[in-house]
């Protein structure tokens, strides 16, 4: 597969990205199941997962910025 199709990533990086994505999906599914078994309504579950996702995105962006600046 050419680097154009993978966003310039090597096959190793693409594989790691796929593994990370699978891990995130499994974590969200597990968290949803646990919160549902605890009897929380779907509105609360969605809010909890949404806030967790927002925090994760902000953390990843901050880490990428710090890495880009060479810290």
N, C-alpha and C. Protein backbone atom coordinates (compact mmCIF):
# COMPACT_ATOMS: atom_id res chain seq x y z
N UNK A 1 0.85 -1.18 0.00
CA UNK A 1 0.00 0.00 0.00
C UNK A 1 0.89 1.24 0.00
N UNK A 2 0.54 2.17 -0.84
CA UNK A 2 1.37 3.37 -0.94
C UNK A 2 1.19 4.26 0.28
N UNK A 3 2.18 5.09 0.53
CA UNK A 3 2.10 6.01 1.66
C UNK A 3 1.02 7.06 1.47
N UNK A 4 0.64 7.32 0.21
CA UNK A 4 -0.42 8.30 -0.04
C UNK A 4 -1.73 7.82 0.57
N UNK A 5 -2.01 6.52 0.47
CA UNK A 5 -3.27 5.98 0.97
C UNK A 5 -3.28 5.89 2.49
N UNK A 6 -2.14 5.86 3.12
CA UNK A 6 -2.08 5.72 4.57
C UNK A 6 -1.72 7.02 5.26
N UNK A 7 -1.78 8.12 4.56
CA UNK A 7 -1.46 9.41 5.17
C UNK A 7 0.02 9.58 5.44
N UNK A 8 0.89 8.89 4.68
CA UNK A 8 2.33 9.02 4.87
C UNK A 8 2.89 8.17 5.98
N UNK A 9 2.07 7.24 6.52
CA UNK A 9 2.54 6.39 7.61
C UNK A 9 3.14 5.09 7.06
N UNK A 10 4.13 4.58 7.77
CA UNK A 10 4.72 3.30 7.39
C UNK A 10 3.75 2.17 7.76
N UNK A 11 3.96 0.97 7.21
CA UNK A 11 3.09 -0.16 7.58
C UNK A 11 3.09 -0.43 9.09
N UNK A 12 4.24 -0.25 9.74
CA UNK A 12 4.30 -0.47 11.19
C UNK A 12 3.43 0.55 11.93
N UNK A 13 3.52 1.80 11.50
CA UNK A 13 2.70 2.84 12.14
C UNK A 13 1.22 2.60 11.88
N UNK A 14 0.90 2.17 10.67
CA UNK A 14 -0.50 1.91 10.32
C UNK A 14 -1.04 0.76 11.16
N UNK A 15 -0.22 -0.28 11.37
CA UNK A 15 -0.64 -1.40 12.21
C UNK A 15 -0.85 -0.98 13.64
N UNK A 16 0.04 -0.14 14.16
CA UNK A 16 -0.10 0.34 15.53
C UNK A 16 -1.36 1.19 15.66
N UNK A 17 -1.66 1.99 14.64
CA UNK A 17 -2.86 2.82 14.67
C UNK A 17 -4.11 1.95 14.67
N UNK A 18 -4.10 0.88 13.88
CA UNK A 18 -5.23 -0.04 13.84
C UNK A 18 -5.42 -0.71 15.20
N UNK A 19 -4.32 -1.12 15.82
CA UNK A 19 -4.41 -1.74 17.14
C UNK A 19 -4.93 -0.76 18.18
N UNK A 20 -4.48 0.48 18.11
CA UNK A 20 -4.94 1.49 19.06
C UNK A 20 -6.42 1.76 18.87
N UNK A 21 -6.86 1.82 17.62
CA UNK A 21 -8.28 2.05 17.34
C UNK A 21 -9.12 0.91 17.88
N UNK A 22 -8.67 -0.31 17.68
CA UNK A 22 -9.40 -1.47 18.19
C UNK A 22 -9.47 -1.43 19.71
N UNK A 23 -8.40 -1.00 20.35
CA UNK A 23 -8.39 -0.88 21.81
C UNK A 23 -9.37 0.16 22.30
N UNK A 24 -9.45 1.28 21.61
CA UNK A 24 -10.39 2.34 22.00
C UNK A 24 -11.83 1.85 21.84
N UNK A 25 -12.12 1.19 20.73
CA UNK A 25 -13.47 0.68 20.50
C UNK A 25 -13.85 -0.33 21.58
N UNK A 26 -12.94 -1.23 21.92
CA UNK A 26 -13.22 -2.22 22.96
C UNK A 26 -13.43 -1.55 24.31
N UNK A 27 -12.66 -0.53 24.61
CA UNK A 27 -12.81 0.18 25.88
C UNK A 27 -14.15 0.88 25.98
N UNK A 28 -14.56 1.53 24.90
CA UNK A 28 -15.86 2.22 24.90
C UNK A 28 -17.00 1.22 25.03
N UNK A 29 -16.90 0.09 24.34
CA UNK A 29 -17.94 -0.93 24.45
C UNK A 29 -18.01 -1.47 25.88
N UNK A 30 -16.86 -1.71 26.48
CA UNK A 30 -16.83 -2.21 27.85
C UNK A 30 -17.39 -1.20 28.83
N UNK A 31 -17.02 0.06 28.66
CA UNK A 31 -17.53 1.11 29.55
C UNK A 31 -19.03 1.24 29.41
N UNK A 32 -19.53 1.16 28.19
CA UNK A 32 -20.97 1.25 27.96
C UNK A 32 -21.69 0.10 28.66
N UNK A 33 -21.16 -1.09 28.54
CA UNK A 33 -21.78 -2.25 29.18
C UNK A 33 -21.80 -2.12 30.70
N UNK A 34 -20.69 -1.67 31.27
CA UNK A 34 -20.61 -1.52 32.73
C UNK A 34 -21.61 -0.47 33.21
N UNK A 35 -21.66 0.67 32.53
CA UNK A 35 -22.59 1.73 32.94
C UNK A 35 -24.04 1.30 32.76
N UNK A 36 -24.32 0.53 31.70
CA UNK A 36 -25.69 0.04 31.48
C UNK A 36 -26.08 -0.96 32.56
N UNK A 37 -25.14 -1.84 32.94
CA UNK A 37 -25.44 -2.81 34.00
C UNK A 37 -25.63 -2.13 35.35
N UNK A 38 -25.02 -0.96 35.51
CA UNK A 38 -25.20 -0.22 36.76
C UNK A 38 -26.56 0.47 36.79
N UNK A 39 -27.30 0.40 35.69
CA UNK A 39 -28.65 0.95 35.67
C UNK A 39 -28.73 2.42 35.28
N UNK A 40 -27.66 2.96 34.73
CA UNK A 40 -27.70 4.36 34.34
C UNK A 40 -28.48 4.53 33.04
N UNK A 41 -29.23 5.62 32.92
CA UNK A 41 -29.95 5.86 31.66
C UNK A 41 -28.99 6.17 30.51
N UNK A 42 -29.46 5.96 29.29
CA UNK A 42 -28.61 6.17 28.11
C UNK A 42 -28.11 7.60 28.01
N UNK A 43 -28.91 8.56 28.44
CA UNK A 43 -28.48 9.96 28.39
C UNK A 43 -27.23 10.17 29.25
N UNK A 44 -27.22 9.56 30.42
CA UNK A 44 -26.06 9.69 31.32
C UNK A 44 -24.86 8.95 30.74
N UNK A 45 -25.09 7.77 30.20
CA UNK A 45 -23.99 7.00 29.60
C UNK A 45 -23.36 7.79 28.46
N UNK A 46 -24.19 8.37 27.60
CA UNK A 46 -23.67 9.16 26.49
C UNK A 46 -22.87 10.35 26.96
N UNK A 47 -23.34 11.00 28.03
CA UNK A 47 -22.63 12.16 28.56
C UNK A 47 -21.27 11.75 29.13
N UNK A 48 -21.24 10.67 29.88
CA UNK A 48 -19.99 10.19 30.48
C UNK A 48 -18.98 9.82 29.40
N UNK A 49 -19.43 9.07 28.39
CA UNK A 49 -18.52 8.66 27.32
C UNK A 49 -18.08 9.86 26.48
N UNK A 50 -18.99 10.81 26.26
CA UNK A 50 -18.64 12.00 25.50
C UNK A 50 -17.60 12.84 26.20
N UNK A 51 -17.75 13.02 27.51
CA UNK A 51 -16.77 13.79 28.28
C UNK A 51 -15.43 13.07 28.30
N UNK A 52 -15.45 11.75 28.44
CA UNK A 52 -14.21 10.99 28.40
C UNK A 52 -13.52 11.11 27.06
N UNK A 53 -14.29 11.08 25.98
CA UNK A 53 -13.73 11.25 24.65
C UNK A 53 -13.13 12.63 24.45
N UNK A 54 -13.82 13.65 24.96
CA UNK A 54 -13.31 15.02 24.84
C UNK A 54 -11.99 15.17 25.59
N UNK A 55 -11.92 14.63 26.79
CA UNK A 55 -10.69 14.70 27.57
C UNK A 55 -9.56 13.96 26.84
N UNK A 56 -9.87 12.80 26.27
CA UNK A 56 -8.85 12.03 25.54
C UNK A 56 -8.34 12.80 24.33
N UNK A 57 -9.24 13.44 23.59
CA UNK A 57 -8.83 14.21 22.41
C UNK A 57 -7.93 15.37 22.82
N UNK A 58 -8.32 16.08 23.87
CA UNK A 58 -7.52 17.21 24.33
C UNK A 58 -6.14 16.76 24.81
N UNK A 59 -6.09 15.62 25.51
CA UNK A 59 -4.82 15.09 25.99
C UNK A 59 -3.91 14.70 24.83
N UNK A 60 -4.47 14.02 23.84
CA UNK A 60 -3.67 13.60 22.68
C UNK A 60 -3.16 14.82 21.92
N UNK A 61 -3.99 15.84 21.76
CA UNK A 61 -3.54 17.06 21.07
C UNK A 61 -2.41 17.74 21.83
N UNK A 62 -2.53 17.79 23.15
CA UNK A 62 -1.49 18.42 23.96
C UNK A 62 -0.18 17.63 23.86
N UNK A 63 -0.28 16.30 23.91
CA UNK A 63 0.92 15.47 23.79
C UNK A 63 1.56 15.63 22.41
N UNK A 64 0.74 15.71 21.37
CA UNK A 64 1.28 15.90 20.02
C UNK A 64 1.96 17.26 19.90
N UNK A 65 1.37 18.29 20.49
CA UNK A 65 1.99 19.62 20.45
C UNK A 65 3.32 19.62 21.18
N UNK A 66 3.35 18.99 22.35
CA UNK A 66 4.59 18.94 23.13
C UNK A 66 5.67 18.17 22.37
N UNK A 67 5.27 17.09 21.72
CA UNK A 67 6.23 16.30 20.95
C UNK A 67 6.74 17.09 19.75
N UNK A 68 5.85 17.85 19.14
CA UNK A 68 6.23 18.66 17.98
C UNK A 68 7.22 19.75 18.38
N UNK A 69 7.04 20.31 19.58
CA UNK A 69 7.94 21.36 20.05
C UNK A 69 9.26 20.80 20.55
N UNK A 70 9.37 19.48 20.65
CA UNK A 70 10.63 18.86 21.04
C UNK A 70 10.84 18.75 22.53
N UNK A 71 9.78 18.75 23.29
CA UNK A 71 9.92 18.62 24.75
C UNK A 71 10.13 17.19 25.14
